[in-house]
Amino acid sequence: MTRWLKMPKADRLLLALSFSLLAITILHLGVRGSTLRASAANDEEFLRFVNVAAEIYTEIKGKYVDDVESREVLEAALSGMFKALDNHSQYMTPRMLDSLNKDTGGSFSGIGIHITQRQGLLTVIAPIPGSPSARIGLAPWDRIIEIEGETTEEMTLQDAVDRLTGPQGTQVTIKVFREGEPDPLEFTITRDTIKIDSVHHQMLEDNIGYIRIARFSENTTRDMKAALAEMKAQGLEGLVLDMRFNSGGLLREAIEVADLFVPKGELIVSTRGRLRSNNRTHAAQIDPVVQVPTFVLVNEGTASASEIVAGALQDHRLGVVIGPKGKNTFGKGSVQTIEPLRYTMYDDDDGNPRESAMRITTARYYTPSDRTISEVGITPDIGVPISLEQERQLLRRGLYGDTTIPLTREEREAQERVREELENRRRQNESGDVQIQRRENGEQEEVETLDEEGDEPFYARATRPEFVDDDEEFRDILLDEALKQMKIFLILDGPRRDGGRAFAESLVNLP
């Protein structure tokens, strides 16, 4: 009831009206012999609902002080239906479909961030390395609690995306809760054109190749094949496949990328759902394009399609998965199907109908060894101790293939404000009742802080993270460890060179 009352009054009434229209539409389809069938008991329950909805509709139309837009209330009702399912299922307007196409395309204008809803919270999967979000200091698992002063508690994922994207050069202010920080952090971010190059590759020292997949979009597999062919011609002996901060993308591209490594006929991934058509197995269709020792770099920002590839290589012992110690990948392991709708409420300027759709979770992913990815993720074979701040530095500075853009003056100032705030909190004394704060004139003062009783906010509180000075010499710890291990193996393996499985078995304790 509290959430209902917090909604704008127009939204509340439109929502009620839309259920009426929705119910009547579904009943009409059922009477005409559509695929909707129900038991007699369910039919009676549905008819009772229609009667209630129709009565409410009549009262609203006759008595509410303002006119109401039927389309808006119907959209609200449709969105509400999907809220009863999960965070990934949704009704998609034509505008949402356009946004989805941009997401799997090459560029867009915004702050450069992949987000999802996790346990009802708007959660950062990963900033795009080198983007405005990454450069200013956002990090995986930050929870966005406000956008331009508006709470995100009841905000849909698409609404959040609409508010975060915008013309180049414009700004948006967000407030995030960071695990380990007792108070929210505020960031003002300048939007920019975000271009995502799906695949970056280069040869490193000792004939070790490096490929980073930033996103599984159109032509990712094609670009991977070209990269591997080029590096093989240059004498490729070992490979580092970097999928850190890769939030996923197209399922078919992930399967085809894994097919470049997995032997023909071997399982890559399986899906299971309620319908028989969703119970599928995807096996490798071609012989491996490359058979060299392989490291797969992952972190908490590795999600969905990238988890499929990592899981396939790990289960078949074709690559050693290395990531931050004690942390799994994101765990986005469900399958969403885009189902075009026969009917639409939208027309273009010429009066032609514009397509709407629904995105609905129809299955879950399972790795070749029958492990579920959903809500669990992939556990690295080798965990490397890495501080939270080191990963944030990595995002700000960018991975291989990212365009290094100097921070703007505003970004430097914003970053410094956050650093000062974190430093002030770190200086809090052991009793927790005195905090050092910095005045504008540079002096310091002690301020008493008291614990306030009352309900906790809708976001969680946690322990403080380790603070690491951003000015210390930076190095990519995870990549350095992978290269060190690879060089040792190539020296010891010497003339054998019998491919990735020998490498994996030498580093991983097989059951």
Protein backbone atom coordinates (compact mmCIF):
# COMPACT_ATOMS: atom_id res chain seq x y z
CA MET A 1 0.00 0.00 0.00
CA THR A 2 2.87 2.38 0.82
CA ARG A 3 4.43 1.94 -2.62
CA TRP A 4 1.03 2.45 -4.24
CA LEU A 5 0.50 5.72 -2.40
CA LYS A 6 3.97 6.93 -3.37
CA MET A 7 3.12 6.62 -7.06
CA PRO A 8 1.95 9.78 -8.84
CA LYS A 9 -1.86 9.90 -8.73
CA ALA A 10 -2.15 9.80 -12.51
CA ASP A 11 -0.01 6.66 -12.62
CA ARG A 12 -2.13 4.97 -9.95
CA LEU A 13 -5.34 5.60 -11.81
CA LEU A 14 -3.88 4.75 -15.18
CA LEU A 15 -2.62 1.47 -13.76
CA ALA A 16 -6.08 0.55 -12.51
CA LEU A 17 -7.68 1.47 -15.81
CA SER A 18 -5.14 -0.52 -17.79
CA PHE A 19 -5.89 -3.76 -15.93
CA SER A 20 -9.49 -3.34 -17.00
CA LEU A 21 -8.59 -2.88 -20.64
CA LEU A 22 -6.04 -5.70 -20.48
CA ALA A 23 -8.52 -8.11 -18.95
CA ILE A 24 -11.19 -7.36 -21.53
CA THR A 25 -8.67 -7.82 -24.35
CA ILE A 26 -7.49 -11.19 -23.06
CA LEU A 27 -11.07 -12.35 -22.56
CA HIS A 28 -11.90 -11.31 -26.09
CA LEU A 29 -8.99 -13.32 -27.46
CA GLY A 30 -10.08 -16.33 -25.44
CA VAL A 31 -13.64 -16.16 -26.76
CA ARG A 32 -12.33 -15.97 -30.34
CA GLY A 33 -10.47 -19.25 -29.87
CA SER A 34 -6.92 -18.04 -29.33
CA THR A 35 -4.32 -20.27 -27.72
CA LEU A 36 -5.42 -19.09 -24.26
CA ARG A 37 -7.26 -21.93 -22.50
CA ALA A 38 -8.14 -22.21 -18.84
CA SER A 39 -10.08 -24.48 -16.53
CA ALA A 40 -13.67 -23.62 -15.62
CA ALA A 41 -12.57 -22.45 -12.18
CA ASN A 42 -9.94 -20.15 -13.64
CA ASP A 43 -12.44 -18.83 -16.18
CA GLU A 44 -14.80 -17.87 -13.38
CA GLU A 45 -12.01 -16.18 -11.43
CA PHE A 46 -10.98 -14.28 -14.52
CA LEU A 47 -14.56 -13.13 -15.20
CA ARG A 48 -14.83 -11.86 -11.63
CA PHE A 49 -11.66 -9.89 -12.15
CA VAL A 50 -13.06 -8.41 -15.37
CA ASN A 51 -16.18 -7.29 -13.51
CA VAL A 52 -14.11 -5.55 -10.83
CA ALA A 53 -11.81 -3.94 -13.40
CA ALA A 54 -14.74 -2.77 -15.50
CA GLU A 55 -16.40 -1.20 -12.45
CA ILE A 56 -13.20 0.64 -11.54
CA TYR A 57 -12.80 1.79 -15.13
CA THR A 58 -16.35 3.19 -15.18
CA GLU A 59 -15.87 5.03 -11.90
CA ILE A 60 -12.58 6.56 -13.03
CA LYS A 61 -13.93 7.70 -16.37
CA GLY A 62 -16.98 9.21 -14.74
CA LYS A 63 -15.55 10.77 -11.58
CA TYR A 64 -11.78 11.34 -11.74
CA VAL A 65 -10.90 15.02 -11.80
CA ASP A 66 -8.58 14.81 -14.85
CA ASP A 67 -8.68 13.00 -18.16
CA VAL A 68 -6.54 9.88 -18.30
CA GLU A 69 -4.55 8.50 -21.24
CA SER A 70 -5.55 4.92 -21.90
CA ARG A 71 -2.26 4.01 -23.58
CA GLU A 72 -0.17 5.14 -20.65
CA VAL A 73 -2.21 3.16 -18.16
CA LEU A 74 -2.16 0.09 -20.37
CA GLU A 75 1.64 0.26 -20.62
CA ALA A 76 1.85 0.59 -16.84
CA ALA A 77 -0.32 -2.49 -16.43
CA LEU A 78 1.70 -4.51 -18.93
CA SER A 79 4.93 -3.56 -17.18
CA GLY A 80 3.39 -4.49 -13.85
CA MET A 81 2.60 -8.00 -15.10
CA PHE A 82 6.28 -8.64 -15.79
CA LYS A 83 7.32 -7.37 -12.36
CA ALA A 84 5.71 -10.53 -10.97
CA LEU A 85 8.27 -12.59 -12.95
CA ASP A 86 11.91 -11.49 -12.74
CA ASN A 87 14.14 -8.50 -13.37
CA HIS A 88 14.95 -9.50 -16.95
CA SER A 89 11.42 -9.96 -18.34
CA GLN A 90 9.61 -6.88 -19.60
CA TYR A 91 7.10 -5.39 -22.01
CA MET A 92 8.98 -3.61 -24.79
CA THR A 93 7.65 -0.54 -26.56
CA PRO A 94 9.03 0.37 -30.00
CA ARG A 95 11.40 2.77 -28.24
CA MET A 96 12.73 -0.04 -26.09
CA LEU A 97 13.31 -2.19 -29.15
CA ASP A 98 15.31 0.64 -30.71
CA SER A 99 17.38 0.87 -27.54
CA LEU A 100 18.04 -2.88 -27.64
CA ASN A 101 19.31 -2.61 -31.21
CA LYS A 102 21.69 0.17 -30.16
CA ASP A 103 22.96 -1.97 -27.29
CA THR A 104 24.03 -4.73 -29.68
CA GLY A 105 25.35 -2.23 -32.20
CA GLY A 106 28.55 -0.25 -32.30
CA SER A 107 28.01 3.09 -30.58
CA PHE A 108 25.63 5.29 -28.59
CA SER A 109 25.70 8.46 -26.53
CA GLY A 110 25.61 8.13 -22.75
CA ILE A 111 27.78 7.58 -19.70
CA GLY A 112 29.15 4.17 -20.77
CA ILE A 113 27.72 1.67 -18.31
CA HIS A 114 26.04 -1.75 -18.34
CA ILE A 115 23.33 -2.07 -15.68
CA THR A 116 20.76 -4.59 -14.52
CA GLN A 117 18.33 -5.03 -11.66
CA ARG A 118 19.55 -7.36 -8.94
CA GLN A 119 17.30 -8.13 -5.97
CA GLY A 120 15.24 -5.09 -6.84
CA LEU A 121 18.26 -2.77 -6.97
CA LEU A 122 19.59 -0.98 -10.03
CA THR A 123 23.05 -2.55 -10.14
CA VAL A 124 26.13 -1.76 -12.20
CA ILE A 125 27.37 -4.84 -14.05
CA ALA A 126 30.39 -2.98 -15.38
CA PRO A 127 31.32 0.44 -16.67
CA ILE A 128 32.76 0.31 -20.17
CA PRO A 129 36.53 0.68 -19.64
CA GLY A 130 37.73 4.15 -20.60
CA SER A 131 34.17 5.57 -20.66
CA PRO A 132 33.05 8.61 -18.62
CA SER A 133 31.60 6.30 -15.94
CA ALA A 134 34.80 4.32 -15.61
CA ARG A 135 37.06 7.36 -15.67
CA ILE A 136 35.13 9.14 -12.93
CA GLY A 137 35.20 6.10 -10.65
CA LEU A 138 32.03 3.99 -10.95
CA ALA A 139 32.66 0.31 -10.31
CA PRO A 140 30.99 -3.10 -10.74
CA TRP A 141 28.27 -3.80 -8.16
CA ASP A 142 27.72 -0.13 -7.36
CA ARG A 143 23.98 0.28 -6.76
CA ILE A 144 22.43 3.38 -8.33
CA ILE A 145 19.94 4.70 -5.78
CA GLU A 146 19.17 8.10 -7.32
CA ILE A 147 19.23 9.65 -10.79
CA GLU A 148 18.90 13.44 -10.88
CA GLY A 149 17.54 13.38 -7.34
CA GLU A 150 14.85 10.80 -8.12
CA THR A 151 14.92 7.50 -6.24
CA THR A 152 15.39 4.37 -8.33
CA GLU A 153 13.47 2.17 -5.87
CA GLU A 154 10.47 1.78 -8.20
CA MET A 155 12.26 2.71 -11.42
CA THR A 156 12.26 0.23 -14.29
CA LEU A 157 15.47 -0.71 -16.05
CA GLN A 158 14.37 1.00 -19.25
CA ASP A 159 13.45 4.19 -17.40
CA ALA A 160 16.92 4.22 -15.87
CA VAL A 161 18.55 3.74 -19.27
CA ASP A 162 16.47 6.60 -20.70
CA ARG A 163 17.61 8.91 -17.92
CA LEU A 164 21.28 7.96 -18.19
CA THR A 165 21.62 8.22 -21.96
CA GLY A 166 21.45 11.57 -23.71
CA PRO A 167 23.23 13.97 -26.07
CA GLN A 168 26.99 14.24 -25.98
CA GLY A 169 28.22 16.95 -23.60
CA THR A 170 25.19 16.94 -21.33
CA GLN A 171 25.49 15.90 -17.69
CA VAL A 172 23.64 13.57 -15.36
CA THR A 173 24.03 13.32 -11.58
CA ILE A 174 23.63 9.98 -9.90
CA LYS A 175 23.97 8.75 -6.34
CA VAL A 176 25.31 5.24 -5.71
CA PHE A 177 25.61 2.96 -2.74
CA ARG A 178 28.96 1.20 -2.76
CA GLU A 179 29.39 -1.98 -0.80
CA GLY A 180 31.64 -1.10 2.12
CA GLU A 181 30.72 2.59 2.28
CA PRO A 182 28.24 3.65 4.99
CA ASP A 183 26.94 6.61 2.97
CA PRO A 184 26.07 7.05 -0.71
CA LEU A 185 28.51 8.61 -3.17
CA GLU A 186 27.45 11.24 -5.70
CA PHE A 187 28.80 11.51 -9.24
CA THR A 188 28.10 14.10 -11.94
CA ILE A 189 29.00 12.52 -15.26
CA THR A 190 29.34 14.19 -18.66
CA ARG A 191 27.82 12.09 -21.41
CA ASP A 192 29.92 11.21 -24.43
CA THR A 193 29.74 9.08 -27.56
CA ILE A 194 30.44 5.52 -26.47
CA LYS A 195 31.94 3.35 -29.18
CA ILE A 196 32.34 -0.32 -28.39
CA ASP A 197 34.90 -2.21 -30.47
CA SER A 198 33.85 -5.78 -29.86
CA VAL A 199 37.28 -7.37 -30.35
CA HIS A 200 40.75 -5.99 -29.74
CA HIS A 201 43.90 -8.05 -30.32
CA GLN A 202 47.63 -7.65 -30.25
CA MET A 203 50.76 -9.77 -29.90
CA LEU A 204 52.59 -9.41 -26.62
CA GLU A 205 56.07 -10.63 -25.75
CA ASP A 206 57.24 -14.24 -26.18
CA ASN A 207 54.64 -14.97 -28.91
CA ILE A 208 51.78 -14.63 -26.44
CA GLY A 209 48.66 -13.26 -28.05
CA TYR A 210 46.07 -11.09 -26.32
CA ILE A 211 42.41 -10.84 -27.34
CA ARG A 212 39.85 -8.80 -25.45
CA ILE A 213 36.17 -9.26 -26.13
CA ALA A 214 34.37 -6.18 -24.84
CA ARG A 215 30.89 -7.23 -25.93
CA PHE A 216 29.27 -10.07 -27.87
CA SER A 217 27.69 -8.06 -30.67
CA GLU A 218 27.26 -8.49 -34.40
CA ASN A 219 30.43 -9.78 -36.10
CA THR A 220 32.26 -10.68 -32.87
CA THR A 221 32.98 -14.20 -34.16
CA ARG A 222 34.12 -12.87 -37.52
CA ASP A 223 36.53 -10.47 -35.83
CA MET A 224 37.77 -13.25 -33.52
CA LYS A 225 38.57 -15.50 -36.48
CA ALA A 226 40.49 -12.71 -38.18
CA ALA A 227 42.44 -11.94 -35.00
CA LEU A 228 43.37 -15.57 -34.43
CA ALA A 229 44.42 -16.06 -38.06
CA GLU A 230 46.65 -12.99 -37.92
CA MET A 231 48.30 -14.01 -34.65
CA LYS A 232 48.80 -17.62 -35.79
CA ALA A 233 50.65 -16.27 -38.81
CA GLN A 234 52.89 -14.36 -36.39
CA GLY A 235 53.81 -17.51 -34.44
CA LEU A 236 51.15 -17.64 -31.72
CA GLU A 237 52.20 -19.98 -28.87
CA GLY A 238 49.92 -18.90 -26.03
CA LEU A 239 46.74 -16.85 -25.71
CA VAL A 240 45.19 -14.56 -23.11
CA LEU A 241 41.44 -14.17 -23.66
CA ASP A 242 40.27 -11.15 -21.66
CA MET A 243 36.53 -10.93 -20.88
CA ARG A 244 36.68 -8.71 -17.80
CA PHE A 245 33.84 -6.17 -17.63
CA ASN A 246 32.11 -7.96 -20.54
CA SER A 247 28.41 -7.86 -19.68
CA GLY A 248 27.35 -10.26 -22.44
CA GLY A 249 25.38 -9.72 -25.62
CA LEU A 250 24.19 -12.08 -28.32
CA LEU A 251 23.90 -15.77 -27.40
CA ARG A 252 24.69 -17.03 -30.88
CA GLU A 253 27.94 -15.04 -30.95
CA ALA A 254 29.03 -16.53 -27.62
CA ILE A 255 28.34 -20.06 -28.89
CA GLU A 256 30.23 -19.42 -32.13
CA VAL A 257 33.21 -17.93 -30.28
CA ALA A 258 33.37 -20.98 -28.00
CA ASP A 259 33.15 -23.14 -31.14
CA LEU A 260 36.54 -21.74 -32.18
CA PHE A 261 38.09 -23.58 -29.21
CA VAL A 262 35.87 -26.57 -28.37
CA PRO A 263 36.42 -29.81 -30.36
CA LYS A 264 33.75 -30.65 -32.91
CA GLY A 265 30.78 -32.46 -31.41
CA GLU A 266 31.54 -31.46 -27.80
CA LEU A 267 28.91 -29.60 -25.79
CA ILE A 268 29.27 -25.82 -25.41
CA VAL A 269 26.15 -24.92 -23.43
CA SER A 270 22.66 -26.21 -22.79
CA THR A 271 19.45 -24.41 -21.92
CA ARG A 272 16.45 -25.65 -19.97
CA GLY A 273 12.99 -24.19 -19.63
CA ARG A 274 9.35 -25.20 -19.28
CA LEU A 275 8.75 -25.61 -23.00
CA ARG A 276 10.36 -28.43 -24.92
CA SER A 277 11.56 -25.94 -27.53
CA ASN A 278 13.67 -24.21 -24.86
CA ASN A 279 15.45 -27.41 -23.85
CA ARG A 280 18.39 -27.26 -26.19
CA THR A 281 21.99 -28.34 -26.43
CA HIS A 282 24.56 -26.42 -28.42
CA ALA A 283 27.57 -28.45 -29.55
CA ALA A 284 30.67 -27.38 -31.47
CA GLN A 285 30.13 -27.55 -35.22
CA ILE A 286 33.70 -27.15 -36.47
CA ASP A 287 37.19 -28.31 -35.59
CA PRO A 288 39.06 -25.94 -33.24
CA VAL A 289 40.58 -22.93 -34.94
CA VAL A 290 43.21 -22.61 -32.24
CA GLN A 291 44.78 -25.14 -29.85
CA VAL A 292 47.27 -23.26 -27.71
CA PRO A 293 47.60 -22.75 -23.93
CA THR A 294 44.92 -20.23 -22.99
CA PHE A 295 44.23 -18.05 -19.99
CA VAL A 296 40.70 -16.64 -19.62
CA LEU A 297 40.56 -13.42 -17.58
CA VAL A 298 37.27 -12.76 -15.74
CA ASN A 299 35.95 -10.67 -12.86
CA GLU A 300 32.62 -9.69 -11.27
CA GLY A 301 31.76 -7.68 -14.37
CA THR A 302 31.93 -10.81 -16.57
CA ALA A 303 28.31 -11.75 -17.28
CA SER A 304 25.90 -13.72 -19.44
CA ALA A 305 27.38 -14.58 -22.86
CA SER A 306 30.95 -14.19 -21.59
CA GLU A 307 30.17 -16.62 -18.76
CA ILE A 308 29.06 -19.18 -21.36
CA VAL A 309 32.43 -18.98 -23.11
CA ALA A 310 34.39 -19.07 -19.87
CA GLY A 311 32.35 -22.03 -18.58
CA ALA A 312 32.82 -24.04 -21.80
CA LEU A 313 36.59 -23.54 -21.88
CA GLN A 314 36.86 -24.30 -18.17
CA ASP A 315 34.78 -27.50 -18.26
CA HIS A 316 36.62 -28.88 -21.29
CA ARG A 317 40.00 -27.92 -19.78
CA LEU A 318 40.79 -25.82 -22.82
CA GLY A 319 41.66 -22.77 -20.79
CA VAL A 320 42.50 -21.76 -17.25
CA VAL A 321 40.07 -19.21 -15.81
CA ILE A 322 41.82 -16.61 -13.68
CA GLY A 323 40.09 -13.87 -11.71
CA PRO A 324 40.08 -11.92 -8.44
CA LYS A 325 40.48 -14.19 -5.44
CA GLY A 326 37.22 -15.09 -3.69
CA LYS A 327 34.96 -13.65 -6.39
CA ASN A 328 32.88 -15.35 -9.05
CA THR A 329 31.62 -13.86 -12.28
CA PHE A 330 28.33 -11.95 -12.23
CA GLY A 331 25.96 -14.92 -12.56
CA LYS A 332 23.57 -13.68 -15.25
CA GLY A 333 22.65 -17.15 -16.48
CA SER A 334 19.10 -16.93 -17.81
CA VAL A 335 17.82 -16.87 -21.39
CA GLN A 336 15.55 -14.06 -22.54
CA THR A 337 13.53 -14.43 -25.72
CA ILE A 338 12.28 -11.43 -27.65
CA GLU A 339 8.72 -12.24 -28.74
CA PRO A 340 7.19 -9.79 -31.26
CA LEU A 341 3.57 -8.97 -30.45
CA ARG A 342 0.76 -9.23 -32.99
CA TYR A 343 -0.76 -5.98 -31.78
CA THR A 344 0.69 -2.57 -31.05
CA MET A 345 -0.49 0.73 -29.65
CA TYR A 346 1.99 2.76 -31.70
CA ASP A 347 2.02 4.13 -35.25
CA ASP A 348 4.76 5.98 -37.10
CA ASP A 349 4.33 9.39 -38.72
CA ASP A 350 2.77 7.76 -41.79
CA GLY A 351 0.23 5.82 -39.76
CA ASN A 352 1.98 2.46 -40.11
CA PRO A 353 2.06 0.25 -37.00
CA ARG A 354 5.33 0.13 -35.05
CA GLU A 355 6.30 -3.21 -33.60
CA SER A 356 6.14 -3.89 -29.87
CA ALA A 357 7.47 -6.99 -28.17
CA MET A 358 8.00 -8.69 -24.87
CA ARG A 359 11.23 -9.99 -23.45
CA ILE A 360 10.59 -13.02 -21.31
CA THR A 361 12.89 -15.39 -19.46
CA THR A 362 12.38 -18.78 -21.06
CA ALA A 363 15.32 -20.89 -19.85
CA ARG A 364 18.55 -21.02 -17.86
CA TYR A 365 22.10 -21.73 -19.02
CA TYR A 366 24.06 -24.81 -17.98
CA THR A 367 27.75 -25.40 -18.67
CA PRO A 368 28.98 -28.66 -20.27
CA SER A 369 29.45 -30.22 -16.82
CA ASP A 370 25.81 -29.37 -15.99
CA ARG A 371 26.56 -26.41 -13.73
CA THR A 372 24.07 -23.58 -13.60
CA ILE A 373 25.38 -20.06 -14.17
CA SER A 374 22.28 -18.27 -12.90
CA GLU A 375 22.87 -16.39 -9.63
CA VAL A 376 26.11 -18.38 -9.17
CA GLY A 377 28.55 -17.42 -11.90
CA ILE A 378 31.85 -19.04 -12.81
CA THR A 379 34.43 -19.71 -10.10
CA PRO A 380 37.99 -18.97 -11.32
CA ASP A 381 40.49 -21.83 -11.36
CA ILE A 382 43.11 -19.44 -10.03
CA GLY A 383 42.27 -16.54 -7.73
CA VAL A 384 44.62 -13.59 -7.54
CA PRO A 385 44.38 -11.16 -4.58
CA ILE A 386 43.22 -7.82 -6.00
CA SER A 387 41.92 -4.85 -4.07
CA LEU A 388 38.65 -3.17 -5.04
CA GLU A 389 40.54 0.03 -5.69
CA GLN A 390 42.93 -1.72 -8.08
CA GLU A 391 40.01 -2.82 -10.24
CA ARG A 392 38.58 0.70 -10.17
CA GLN A 393 41.92 2.05 -11.30
CA LEU A 394 41.91 -0.50 -14.09
CA LEU A 395 38.53 0.78 -15.27
CA ARG A 396 39.63 4.39 -15.14
CA ARG A 397 42.87 3.74 -17.01
CA GLY A 398 41.36 1.27 -19.46
CA LEU A 399 42.29 -2.20 -20.69
CA TYR A 400 44.18 -3.03 -23.85
CA GLY A 401 42.30 -1.65 -26.81
CA ASP A 402 40.62 1.18 -24.93
CA THR A 403 41.17 4.71 -26.13
CA THR A 404 43.01 6.55 -23.38
CA ILE A 405 41.33 9.93 -22.93
CA PRO A 406 42.68 12.37 -20.33
CA LEU A 407 40.27 13.26 -17.56
CA THR A 408 38.49 16.57 -17.99
CA ARG A 409 38.87 19.21 -15.29
CA GLU A 410 35.36 18.43 -14.03
CA GLU A 411 36.14 14.70 -13.89
CA ARG A 412 39.37 15.32 -11.99
CA GLU A 413 37.57 17.52 -9.48
CA ALA A 414 34.75 15.00 -9.07
CA GLN A 415 37.21 12.16 -8.64
CA GLU A 416 39.14 14.14 -6.05
CA ARG A 417 35.95 14.88 -4.09
CA VAL A 418 35.14 11.18 -3.93
CA ARG A 419 38.73 10.35 -2.92
CA GLU A 420 38.62 12.94 -0.14
CA GLU A 421 35.30 11.60 1.10
CA LEU A 422 36.64 8.05 1.18
CA GLU A 423 39.81 9.22 2.91
CA ASN A 424 37.82 11.13 5.53
CA ARG A 425 35.78 8.03 6.26
CA ARG A 426 38.92 5.94 6.53
CA ARG A 427 40.22 8.31 9.21
CA GLN A 428 37.20 7.73 11.40
CA ASN A 429 38.44 6.65 14.83
CA GLU A 430 37.97 3.14 16.19
CA SER A 431 35.03 4.09 18.40
CA GLY A 432 33.13 5.28 15.36
CA ASP A 433 31.81 8.43 17.03
CA VAL A 434 34.28 10.98 15.63
CA GLN A 435 34.85 11.67 11.96
CA ILE A 436 37.45 13.96 10.40
CA GLN A 437 36.02 16.30 7.78
CA ARG A 438 37.76 18.86 5.60
CA ARG A 439 36.58 22.46 5.51
CA GLU A 440 36.63 24.51 2.33
CA ASN A 441 39.64 26.45 3.60
CA GLY A 442 41.63 23.23 3.97
CA GLU A 443 41.44 23.01 7.77
CA GLN A 444 40.08 19.93 9.48
CA GLU A 445 37.43 19.60 12.13
CA GLU A 446 36.02 16.79 14.23
CA VAL A 447 32.32 16.14 13.87
CA GLU A 448 30.36 13.85 16.14
CA THR A 449 28.33 11.23 14.35
CA LEU A 450 25.47 9.44 16.04
CA ASP A 451 23.77 6.24 14.98
CA GLU A 452 20.16 6.98 14.12
CA GLU A 453 17.46 4.46 14.83
CA GLY A 454 14.87 3.66 12.21
CA ASP A 455 14.31 1.61 9.10
CA GLU A 456 17.27 0.90 6.87
CA PRO A 457 17.14 2.35 3.35
CA PHE A 458 16.19 0.13 0.45
CA TYR A 459 19.88 -0.52 -0.25
CA ALA A 460 22.10 -2.58 2.05
CA ARG A 461 25.00 -1.55 4.24
CA ALA A 462 28.29 -3.46 4.40
CA THR A 463 31.84 -3.29 5.74
CA ARG A 464 34.45 -0.82 4.62
CA PRO A 465 36.73 -1.76 1.72
CA GLU A 466 40.50 -1.54 1.79
CA PHE A 467 41.67 1.93 0.74
CA VAL A 468 44.46 2.04 -1.81
CA ASP A 469 46.22 5.25 -2.83
CA ASP A 470 45.45 6.03 -6.47
CA ASP A 471 48.88 7.62 -6.88
CA GLU A 472 50.82 4.40 -6.37
CA GLU A 473 52.40 2.80 -9.43
CA PHE A 474 49.67 1.06 -11.41
CA ARG A 475 49.90 -2.35 -13.02
CA ASP A 476 47.33 -4.83 -14.30
CA ILE A 477 47.87 -7.49 -11.64
CA LEU A 478 45.62 -10.11 -13.22
CA LEU A 479 47.18 -9.82 -16.67
CA ASP A 480 50.68 -9.80 -15.18
CA GLU A 481 49.95 -13.05 -13.33
CA ALA A 482 48.55 -14.67 -16.48
CA LEU A 483 51.60 -13.72 -18.52
CA LYS A 484 53.97 -14.96 -15.81
CA GLN A 485 52.24 -18.34 -15.60
CA MET A 486 52.08 -18.63 -19.39
CA LYS A 487 55.79 -17.96 -19.83
CA ILE A 488 56.68 -20.57 -17.22
CA PHE A 489 54.52 -23.17 -18.92
CA LEU A 490 55.88 -22.45 -22.40
CA ILE A 491 59.43 -22.87 -21.11
CA LEU A 492 58.71 -26.10 -19.22
CA ASP A 493 56.46 -27.62 -21.87
CA GLY A 494 59.16 -27.05 -24.45
CA PRO A 495 58.88 -29.24 -27.54
CA ARG A 496 55.60 -30.98 -26.53
CA ARG A 497 53.29 -28.13 -27.43
CA ASP A 498 50.26 -30.41 -27.16
CA GLY A 499 47.68 -27.69 -26.81
CA GLY A 500 45.42 -26.09 -24.27
CA ARG A 501 44.43 -29.20 -22.33
CA ALA A 502 48.01 -29.92 -21.25
CA PHE A 503 48.21 -26.35 -20.03
CA ALA A 504 44.97 -26.54 -18.08
CA GLU A 505 45.83 -29.89 -16.53
CA SER A 506 49.21 -28.58 -15.43
CA LEU A 507 47.65 -25.69 -13.50
CA VAL A 508 44.27 -27.00 -12.38
CA ASN A 509 43.75 -29.81 -9.89
CA LEU A 510 41.49 -32.09 -11.89
CA PRO A 511 38.94 -34.21 -9.99
